[in-house]
Amino acid sequence: MAGPDDEERKKRPSLPPVEFVKPGEAPAPLPPRDQPPAAWVTRPEDYLRQVAPAPQLRAPGQMHLVAGILLVLSALVAVGWTIALSIRFLTPAQYENATAGLTPESWAIGQICGLLGIWGQAIALLAGVMSFRRMSWKFVFAASLISVLSIGATAVAFIDPFFGGAAALGLVGVVLLSLGRREFPP
């Protein structure tokens, strides 16, 4: 009957035989599995596209902070002016004068641009806070660009210097974001 020692010997792979070579004698050829291939063999890594190294992350400078401050200021100026415009009470005669020269199309365009401006203000505030925290650069850049365009559309539609100033602050913030790209993690 086979004991546990016999079973262990069967399970263990046998060691290769030890070969003694004399000092002037050439060693025996390697077994086929240890020899280098006779021809060039393709490897999967030969066909993979080389990936460019990620841009080096600079130590956090001040660009993202200044851009964030400008975007938040842009949002606050636009929000403040929107609130100031909406809480003033006009008399019916003043409403008639405000809408007297407008066609229905221009009135609708003004309403649409006003709504886009409100969304742009919220997006500018979000982009400014995300820029402070150095979150996703692509999202912050896209959000700040959208906010500048929407606040700028409101400035053009209403020919308003406050919305124009808010759009200009946001535009400077967008430029600083593009210059401070390396301050954000990849």
Protein backbone atom coordinates (compact mmCIF):
# COMPACT_ATOMS: atom_id res chain seq x y z
CA MET A 1 0.00 0.00 0.00
CA ALA A 2 1.34 3.43 -0.92
CA GLY A 3 1.98 5.81 1.91
CA PRO A 4 1.67 9.61 1.96
CA ASP A 5 5.36 9.97 1.06
CA ASP A 6 4.89 8.06 -2.21
CA GLU A 7 1.92 10.24 -3.19
CA GLU A 8 3.88 13.43 -2.51
CA ARG A 9 6.72 12.22 -4.73
CA LYS A 10 4.28 11.56 -7.56
CA LYS A 11 2.74 15.03 -7.22
CA ARG A 12 6.05 16.89 -7.10
CA PRO A 13 7.73 17.50 -10.43
CA SER A 14 11.00 15.74 -10.75
CA LEU A 15 14.04 17.96 -10.68
CA PRO A 16 16.17 18.11 -13.83
CA PRO A 17 19.23 15.92 -13.72
CA VAL A 18 22.40 17.57 -12.52
CA GLU A 19 25.09 17.65 -15.17
CA PHE A 20 28.71 18.16 -14.30
CA VAL A 21 30.86 19.95 -16.85
CA LYS A 22 34.64 19.79 -16.81
CA PRO A 23 36.52 23.10 -16.97
CA GLY A 24 37.41 22.98 -20.70
CA GLU A 25 34.31 21.16 -21.89
CA ALA A 26 31.39 22.89 -23.70
CA PRO A 27 27.99 22.67 -21.99
CA ALA A 28 25.28 20.54 -23.52
CA PRO A 29 22.71 22.35 -25.69
CA LEU A 30 19.70 23.76 -23.87
CA PRO A 31 16.42 21.91 -24.05
CA PRO A 32 14.03 23.28 -26.72
CA ARG A 33 11.89 25.20 -24.24
CA ASP A 34 14.91 27.18 -22.94
CA GLN A 35 16.41 28.06 -26.33
CA PRO A 36 15.74 31.44 -27.94
CA PRO A 37 13.37 31.24 -30.93
CA ALA A 38 14.92 30.57 -34.32
CA ALA A 39 12.90 33.34 -35.96
CA TRP A 40 11.32 36.60 -34.88
CA VAL A 41 8.09 35.95 -33.03
CA THR A 42 5.40 38.61 -32.91
CA ARG A 43 4.26 39.84 -29.56
CA PRO A 44 1.03 41.70 -28.82
CA GLU A 45 2.91 44.73 -27.49
CA ASP A 46 4.54 45.16 -30.93
CA TYR A 47 1.12 46.05 -32.35
CA LEU A 48 -0.19 48.29 -29.56
CA ARG A 49 -0.26 52.02 -30.18
CA GLN A 50 2.28 53.94 -28.17
CA VAL A 51 0.52 56.12 -25.64
CA ALA A 52 1.94 59.58 -25.14
CA PRO A 53 2.89 60.29 -21.57
CA ALA A 54 0.38 62.34 -19.61
CA PRO A 55 1.30 66.00 -19.20
CA GLN A 56 3.20 66.60 -16.02
CA LEU A 57 1.04 67.94 -13.24
CA ARG A 58 2.54 71.17 -12.03
CA ALA A 59 2.42 72.17 -8.44
CA PRO A 60 -0.85 73.98 -7.95
CA GLY A 61 -0.25 77.56 -8.97
CA GLN A 62 -2.61 80.49 -8.86
CA MET A 63 -4.20 80.26 -12.33
CA HIS A 64 -7.03 77.96 -11.29
CA LEU A 65 -7.76 80.11 -8.23
CA VAL A 66 -7.88 83.37 -10.20
CA ALA A 67 -10.01 81.73 -12.90
CA GLY A 68 -12.37 80.39 -10.24
CA ILE A 69 -12.65 83.81 -8.59
CA LEU A 70 -13.42 85.46 -11.94
CA LEU A 71 -16.06 82.86 -12.79
CA VAL A 72 -17.73 83.23 -9.39
CA LEU A 73 -17.63 87.03 -9.75
CA SER A 74 -19.14 86.71 -13.21
CA ALA A 75 -21.97 84.64 -11.79
CA LEU A 76 -22.52 86.98 -8.83
CA VAL A 77 -22.60 90.12 -10.99
CA ALA A 78 -25.08 88.53 -13.38
CA VAL A 79 -27.23 87.12 -10.56
CA GLY A 80 -27.20 90.44 -8.71
CA TRP A 81 -28.23 92.36 -11.79
CA THR A 82 -30.95 89.83 -12.61
CA ILE A 83 -32.35 90.18 -9.09
CA ALA A 84 -32.13 93.98 -9.28
CA LEU A 85 -34.02 93.97 -12.58
CA SER A 86 -36.70 91.60 -11.37
CA ILE A 87 -37.54 93.28 -8.05
CA ARG A 88 -38.09 96.75 -9.43
CA PHE A 89 -41.77 97.41 -9.82
CA LEU A 90 -42.93 99.11 -12.97
CA THR A 91 -46.18 100.90 -13.46
CA PRO A 92 -48.45 99.78 -16.31
CA ALA A 93 -47.38 102.83 -18.31
CA GLN A 94 -43.72 101.87 -17.92
CA TYR A 95 -44.51 98.32 -19.08
CA GLU A 96 -46.20 99.75 -22.18
CA ASN A 97 -43.13 101.84 -22.95
CA ALA A 98 -40.81 98.86 -22.37
CA THR A 99 -42.64 96.68 -24.87
CA ALA A 100 -43.87 99.37 -27.30
CA GLY A 101 -41.19 98.99 -29.95
CA LEU A 102 -40.84 95.20 -29.73
CA THR A 103 -42.20 92.67 -32.17
CA PRO A 104 -43.39 89.35 -30.77
CA GLU A 105 -40.27 87.68 -32.17
CA SER A 106 -37.91 90.10 -30.47
CA TRP A 107 -39.86 89.75 -27.21
CA ALA A 108 -39.55 85.94 -27.45
CA ILE A 109 -35.82 86.18 -28.20
CA GLY A 110 -35.39 88.41 -25.15
CA GLN A 111 -37.22 85.90 -22.96
CA ILE A 112 -35.16 82.98 -24.29
CA CYS A 113 -31.88 84.85 -23.80
CA GLY A 114 -32.96 85.81 -20.29
CA LEU A 115 -33.64 82.17 -19.44
CA LEU A 116 -30.31 81.10 -20.95
CA GLY A 117 -28.60 83.82 -18.93
CA ILE A 118 -30.07 82.47 -15.69
CA TRP A 119 -28.80 78.98 -16.52
CA GLY A 120 -25.45 80.46 -17.49
CA GLN A 121 -25.19 82.16 -14.10
CA ALA A 122 -25.68 78.87 -12.28
CA ILE A 123 -23.19 77.10 -14.56
CA ALA A 124 -20.61 79.88 -14.04
CA LEU A 125 -20.96 79.51 -10.28
CA LEU A 126 -20.50 75.73 -10.57
CA ALA A 127 -17.46 76.11 -12.86
CA GLY A 128 -15.87 78.62 -10.47
CA VAL A 129 -16.23 76.34 -7.46
CA MET A 130 -14.94 73.34 -9.42
CA SER A 131 -11.96 75.40 -10.58
CA PHE A 132 -11.10 76.20 -6.94
CA ARG A 133 -11.04 72.51 -6.15
CA ARG A 134 -9.10 71.59 -9.36
CA MET A 135 -11.67 69.02 -10.36
CA SER A 136 -12.22 67.95 -13.99
CA TRP A 137 -10.56 70.47 -16.31
CA LYS A 138 -12.60 69.46 -19.36
CA PHE A 139 -15.89 69.88 -17.51
CA VAL A 140 -14.84 73.17 -15.91
CA PHE A 141 -13.66 74.54 -19.25
CA ALA A 142 -16.82 73.48 -21.10
CA ALA A 143 -19.09 74.80 -18.33
CA SER A 144 -17.30 78.14 -18.18
CA LEU A 145 -17.44 78.50 -21.97
CA ILE A 146 -21.17 77.74 -21.99
CA SER A 147 -21.76 80.24 -19.18
CA VAL A 148 -19.83 82.98 -20.98
CA LEU A 149 -21.80 82.38 -24.17
CA SER A 150 -25.17 82.38 -22.42
CA ILE A 151 -24.45 85.46 -20.28
CA GLY A 152 -23.00 87.15 -23.37
CA ALA A 153 -26.16 86.36 -25.34
CA THR A 154 -28.18 88.02 -22.58
CA ALA A 155 -25.90 91.07 -22.74
CA VAL A 156 -26.35 91.34 -26.50
CA ALA A 157 -30.11 90.77 -26.39
CA PHE A 158 -30.73 93.43 -23.74
CA ILE A 159 -27.78 95.69 -24.63
CA ASP A 160 -26.87 95.67 -20.96
CA PRO A 161 -23.46 96.73 -19.59
CA PHE A 162 -23.79 94.67 -16.39
CA PHE A 163 -24.34 91.43 -18.27
CA GLY A 164 -21.56 92.47 -20.66
CA GLY A 165 -19.21 92.98 -17.72
CA ALA A 166 -20.18 89.61 -16.27
CA ALA A 167 -19.50 87.97 -19.65
CA ALA A 168 -16.11 89.74 -19.86
CA LEU A 169 -15.14 88.50 -16.38
CA GLY A 170 -16.13 84.98 -17.41
CA LEU A 171 -14.16 85.26 -20.66
CA VAL A 172 -11.00 86.22 -18.77
CA GLY A 173 -11.67 83.24 -16.49
CA VAL A 174 -11.91 80.95 -19.54
CA VAL A 175 -8.58 82.26 -20.86
CA LEU A 176 -6.93 81.68 -17.48
CA LEU A 177 -8.39 78.18 -17.34
CA SER A 178 -6.87 77.34 -20.70
CA LEU A 179 -3.50 78.72 -19.56
CA GLY A 180 -3.66 76.83 -16.26
CA ARG A 181 -4.51 73.46 -17.82
CA ARG A 182 -1.48 71.74 -16.27
CA GLU A 183 -2.59 72.63 -12.75
CA PHE A 184 -5.50 70.21 -13.01
CA PRO A 185 -5.05 66.45 -12.58
CA PRO A 186 -5.43 64.34 -15.75
